[in-house]
Amino acid sequence: MSPKESSKNNAARKKPAAKRSASKAPDDARTFLRHSVATLAYRCGKATRGAPPEFAEFKAGPTTRTPIQILAHIGDLLDWVLSQAEGKERWRNATPLPWEDEVKRFHAALKRFDTYLASKKTLHKPAERMFQGAIADSLTHTGQITMLRRLAGSHVRGENYSRADIRMGRVGADQSPPPERSEFD
């Protein structure tokens, strides 16, 4: 068979790549996304819990965001990802609230998103896309808040997070304490 004929045969055998419908997200992808949301609740909850009042406005440098700006951005990301899931994608930059109010906003936004994921409602964006966007970005920003806590002199202890009691649906401030001997400095 000539290379030209071989090429034709290969083209005939290849089927067009099936575009996965956003509405047909497999349950395992939804489950993974819900666990990721619970992980974000645990990790960001730990990063924000017990921060001194002055921490919200801490500046590590002239061009860095303050912790309150970062936390407000995480809230914006969570509002955005819910809008994607609902099929009404929109972005808005919220004006940062006082620290404790932003912490409440964070957990409330997680709760709304997790409730949507737990329902049988259609996901209008593939779960993988929602993870790679808003959720992964929120985890990155959680690390920034944790690092800023250390720079501000109010560090958060490190932890072996693979041992943490993270459960789907637990997305509020009521997180389990770290397991014994899982934290370190």
Protein backbone atom coordinates (compact mmCIF):
# COMPACT_ATOMS: atom_id res chain seq x y z
CA MET A 1 0.00 0.00 0.00
CA SER A 2 1.35 3.39 -0.96
CA PRO A 3 1.80 6.13 1.67
CA LYS A 4 -1.05 8.02 0.00
CA GLU A 5 -3.42 5.02 0.29
CA SER A 6 -2.29 4.37 3.85
CA SER A 7 -3.02 7.96 4.73
CA LYS A 8 -6.53 7.67 3.24
CA ASN A 9 -7.20 4.45 5.19
CA ASN A 10 -6.00 6.02 8.43
CA ALA A 11 -8.20 9.06 7.85
CA ALA A 12 -11.20 6.84 7.17
CA ARG A 13 -10.60 4.86 10.37
CA LYS A 14 -10.22 7.94 12.53
CA LYS A 15 -13.48 9.10 13.94
CA PRO A 16 -13.92 12.72 14.83
CA ALA A 17 -13.05 13.36 18.41
CA ALA A 18 -16.22 13.27 20.43
CA LYS A 19 -16.75 16.47 22.28
CA ARG A 20 -17.82 15.54 25.76
CA SER A 21 -21.07 17.15 26.64
CA ALA A 22 -20.83 19.37 29.70
CA SER A 23 -24.24 18.11 30.77
CA LYS A 24 -23.06 14.50 30.88
CA ALA A 25 -20.34 14.96 33.50
CA PRO A 26 -19.60 11.52 34.94
CA ASP A 27 -20.45 11.06 38.58
CA ASP A 28 -16.80 10.35 39.37
CA ALA A 29 -15.76 13.76 38.00
CA ARG A 30 -18.47 15.43 40.08
CA THR A 31 -17.34 13.47 43.13
CA PHE A 32 -13.73 14.51 42.58
CA LEU A 33 -14.78 18.13 42.16
CA ARG A 34 -16.81 18.00 45.39
CA HIS A 35 -13.80 16.54 47.22
CA SER A 36 -11.64 19.31 45.78
CA VAL A 37 -14.12 21.89 47.07
CA ALA A 38 -14.02 20.28 50.53
CA THR A 39 -10.21 20.31 50.38
CA LEU A 40 -10.28 24.01 49.56
CA ALA A 41 -12.61 24.60 52.53
CA TYR A 42 -10.21 22.76 54.85
CA ARG A 43 -7.02 24.37 53.60
CA CYS A 44 -8.27 27.93 53.20
CA GLY A 45 -10.15 27.62 56.47
CA LYS A 46 -6.88 26.77 58.17
CA ALA A 47 -5.09 29.65 56.40
CA THR A 48 -7.68 32.22 57.50
CA ARG A 49 -8.54 30.94 61.00
CA GLY A 50 -6.98 32.88 63.86
CA ALA A 51 -5.42 35.59 61.72
CA PRO A 52 -4.80 38.77 63.74
CA PRO A 53 -6.94 41.78 62.72
CA GLU A 54 -4.01 43.66 61.14
CA PHE A 55 -3.21 40.71 58.86
CA ALA A 56 -5.98 41.60 56.40
CA GLU A 57 -4.06 44.69 55.22
CA PHE A 58 -0.53 43.20 55.38
CA LYS A 59 1.64 44.19 52.39
CA ALA A 60 4.63 42.00 51.59
CA GLY A 61 5.77 44.46 48.93
CA PRO A 62 4.63 47.47 46.94
CA THR A 63 3.01 45.43 44.14
CA THR A 64 1.54 42.53 46.12
CA ARG A 65 -2.11 42.07 46.94
CA THR A 66 -3.13 42.23 50.56
CA PRO A 67 -4.61 39.10 52.18
CA ILE A 68 -8.09 40.68 52.15
CA GLN A 69 -7.77 41.36 48.40
CA ILE A 70 -6.70 37.74 47.81
CA LEU A 71 -9.54 36.34 49.90
CA ALA A 72 -12.05 38.58 48.10
CA HIS A 73 -10.65 37.31 44.79
CA ILE A 74 -11.18 33.71 45.96
CA GLY A 75 -14.80 34.65 46.70
CA ASP A 76 -15.08 36.07 43.17
CA LEU A 77 -13.64 32.85 41.73
CA LEU A 78 -16.20 30.76 43.63
CA ASP A 79 -19.08 32.95 42.46
CA TRP A 80 -17.74 32.61 38.91
CA VAL A 81 -17.43 28.81 39.00
CA LEU A 82 -21.02 28.49 40.25
CA SER A 83 -22.17 30.70 37.37
CA GLN A 84 -20.29 28.39 34.98
CA ALA A 85 -21.96 25.31 36.45
CA GLU A 86 -25.37 26.97 36.12
CA GLY A 87 -24.72 27.95 32.50
CA LYS A 88 -24.89 31.68 33.26
CA GLU A 89 -21.18 32.48 33.26
CA ARG A 90 -20.37 35.91 34.65
CA TRP A 91 -17.44 37.57 36.41
CA ARG A 92 -17.50 40.37 38.92
CA ASN A 93 -14.85 41.96 41.08
CA ALA A 94 -16.35 42.42 44.52
CA THR A 95 -15.14 45.18 46.82
CA PRO A 96 -13.38 43.46 49.72
CA LEU A 97 -15.39 43.23 52.92
CA PRO A 98 -13.90 43.20 56.42
CA TRP A 99 -11.84 40.05 57.07
CA GLU A 100 -14.41 38.05 59.05
CA ASP A 101 -17.11 38.91 56.49
CA GLU A 102 -14.87 37.75 53.64
CA VAL A 103 -14.24 34.47 55.50
CA LYS A 104 -18.03 34.03 55.81
CA ARG A 105 -18.45 34.93 52.13
CA PHE A 106 -15.84 32.32 51.21
CA HIS A 107 -17.62 29.52 53.07
CA ALA A 108 -21.06 30.62 51.85
CA ALA A 109 -19.84 30.60 48.22
CA LEU A 110 -18.34 27.13 48.72
CA LYS A 111 -21.64 25.94 50.19
CA ARG A 112 -23.65 27.25 47.21
CA PHE A 113 -21.29 25.59 44.74
CA ASP A 114 -21.14 22.30 46.65
CA THR A 115 -24.94 22.23 46.94
CA TYR A 116 -25.20 22.65 43.18
CA LEU A 117 -22.64 19.89 42.60
CA ALA A 118 -24.47 17.57 45.01
CA SER A 119 -27.72 18.04 43.10
CA LYS A 120 -28.58 16.29 39.88
CA LYS A 121 -28.69 19.62 38.06
CA THR A 122 -26.85 19.85 34.77
CA LEU A 123 -23.24 21.01 34.82
CA HIS A 124 -22.96 23.44 31.93
CA LYS A 125 -19.15 23.38 32.05
CA PRO A 126 -17.10 20.16 32.30
CA ALA A 127 -15.99 19.41 35.86
CA GLU A 128 -12.36 19.24 34.73
CA ARG A 129 -12.57 22.79 33.35
CA MET A 130 -14.08 24.10 36.57
CA PHE A 131 -11.29 22.44 38.53
CA GLN A 132 -8.47 23.71 36.31
CA GLY A 133 -9.85 27.24 36.47
CA ALA A 134 -11.49 28.54 39.60
CA ILE A 135 -10.73 25.71 42.03
CA ALA A 136 -7.03 25.32 41.16
CA ASP A 137 -6.64 29.11 41.20
CA SER A 138 -8.30 29.26 44.63
CA LEU A 139 -5.91 26.63 45.97
CA THR A 140 -2.98 28.68 44.65
CA HIS A 141 -4.31 31.79 46.40
CA THR A 142 -4.81 29.80 49.59
CA GLY A 143 -1.09 29.05 49.50
CA GLN A 144 -0.40 32.77 49.07
CA ILE A 145 -2.46 33.59 52.16
CA THR A 146 -0.60 30.90 54.10
CA MET A 147 2.77 32.29 52.97
CA LEU A 148 1.70 35.85 53.84
CA ARG A 149 0.71 34.66 57.31
CA ARG A 150 4.30 33.50 57.86
CA LEU A 151 5.76 36.72 56.47
CA ALA A 152 3.43 38.73 58.73
CA GLY A 153 4.65 36.83 61.80
CA SER A 154 1.48 34.78 62.28
CA HIS A 155 2.40 31.54 60.59
CA VAL A 156 0.10 28.60 59.99
CA ARG A 157 1.61 25.26 60.90
CA GLY A 158 2.39 22.91 58.03
CA GLU A 159 0.43 19.71 57.85
CA ASN A 160 0.42 16.31 56.19
CA TYR A 161 -2.85 17.05 54.38
CA SER A 162 -3.19 13.48 53.13
CA ARG A 163 -4.10 12.57 56.73
CA ALA A 164 -6.67 15.35 57.15
CA ASP A 165 -10.32 14.51 57.78
CA ILE A 166 -11.71 16.12 54.63
CA ARG A 167 -15.24 15.13 53.67
CA MET A 168 -17.44 16.04 50.76
CA GLY A 169 -20.14 18.42 51.85
CA ARG A 170 -18.17 19.83 54.79
CA VAL A 171 -17.37 23.23 53.37
CA GLY A 172 -18.12 25.55 56.29
CA ALA A 173 -15.82 26.93 58.94
CA ASP A 174 -16.57 23.85 61.08
CA GLN A 175 -13.58 21.79 59.92
CA SER A 176 -12.04 18.93 61.87
CA PRO A 177 -8.83 19.71 63.72
CA PRO A 178 -5.64 18.29 62.19
CA PRO A 179 -4.94 14.68 63.21
CA GLU A 180 -2.49 14.21 66.03
CA ARG A 181 1.14 14.39 64.94
CA SER A 182 0.25 15.54 61.43
CA GLU A 183 1.31 19.17 61.87
CA PHE A 184 4.84 20.53 61.85
CA ASP A 185 6.65 23.88 61.90
